[in-house]
Protein backbone atom coordinates (compact mmCIF):
# COMPACT_ATOMS: atom_id res chain seq x y z
CA MET A 1 2.97 7.09 10.64
CA ILE A 2 6.22 5.13 11.81
CA SER A 3 5.24 1.38 13.07
CA ALA A 4 6.59 0.20 15.90
CA ALA A 5 8.67 -2.27 13.96
CA SER A 6 10.44 0.60 11.88
CA ALA A 7 10.82 2.66 14.87
CA THR A 8 13.20 -0.30 16.17
CA GLU A 9 14.86 -0.71 13.02
CA PRO A 10 18.65 0.30 12.88
CA ALA A 11 19.47 3.31 10.36
CA ARG A 12 19.99 2.07 6.76
CA GLU A 13 23.59 3.59 4.81
CA MET A 14 22.70 4.99 1.79
CA ALA A 15 23.65 3.06 -1.22
CA PRO A 16 26.82 4.46 -3.03
CA ALA A 17 26.50 6.44 -6.28
CA VAL A 18 26.48 4.97 -9.57
CA THR A 19 28.99 5.16 -11.88
CA GLY A 20 29.61 3.91 -15.46
CA THR A 21 29.93 5.71 -19.10
CA SER A 22 26.35 6.80 -19.56
CA VAL A 23 24.92 8.09 -16.11
CA TYR A 24 22.44 10.84 -16.09
CA ARG A 25 21.72 13.00 -12.71
CA VAL A 26 18.58 14.56 -12.28
CA ASP A 27 18.36 17.02 -9.28
CA TRP A 28 15.54 18.90 -8.06
CA LEU A 29 16.09 22.83 -7.26
CA PRO A 30 14.34 23.33 -3.92
CA GLY A 31 12.17 26.12 -3.67
CA THR A 32 11.39 26.21 -7.44
CA ASP A 33 9.82 23.92 -10.16
CA ARG A 34 12.73 23.34 -12.13
CA LEU A 35 15.21 20.56 -12.71
CA LEU A 36 18.90 20.33 -13.42
CA GLY A 37 20.15 17.54 -15.31
CA THR A 38 23.67 16.71 -15.75
CA CYS A 39 24.98 14.55 -18.86
CA HIS A 40 27.86 12.17 -18.22
CA CYS A 41 29.72 14.04 -20.66
CA GLY A 42 29.08 16.81 -18.03
CA ALA A 43 26.93 19.00 -20.09
CA VAL A 44 24.14 20.59 -17.76
CA ILE A 45 20.78 22.05 -18.08
CA VAL A 46 17.90 23.60 -15.87
CA ALA A 47 14.29 22.43 -17.37
CA ASP A 48 11.10 23.35 -16.30
CA ASP A 49 9.60 20.36 -17.81
CA PRO A 50 11.07 16.95 -17.17
CA VAL A 51 10.53 15.82 -20.77
CA ARG A 52 12.32 18.36 -22.41
CA LEU A 53 15.35 17.56 -19.61
CA TRP A 54 15.02 14.18 -20.79
CA GLU A 55 14.73 14.31 -23.99
CA TRP A 56 18.01 16.89 -23.73
CA LEU A 57 19.93 13.89 -21.80
CA LEU A 58 19.16 11.00 -23.81
CA SER A 59 19.98 13.12 -27.14
CA HIS A 60 23.88 12.74 -26.10
CA PRO A 61 26.19 13.62 -28.29
CA ASP A 62 24.23 16.38 -30.14
CA HIS A 63 23.04 18.19 -27.19
CA ARG A 64 20.23 20.71 -28.16
């Protein structure tokens, strides 16, 4: 349900992408129960379990 106040607000711009030396990215793969994790080093993993995905991401530089 949209309230009258929110319907009259101007559209907000999206925030800029996060940058830095240890940025991790987790994306949902639409149509699946899978997640795509990207480490700041560029390594990627596809996982069904979010806990396993985060353990892998946080294990940098010793990705298993």
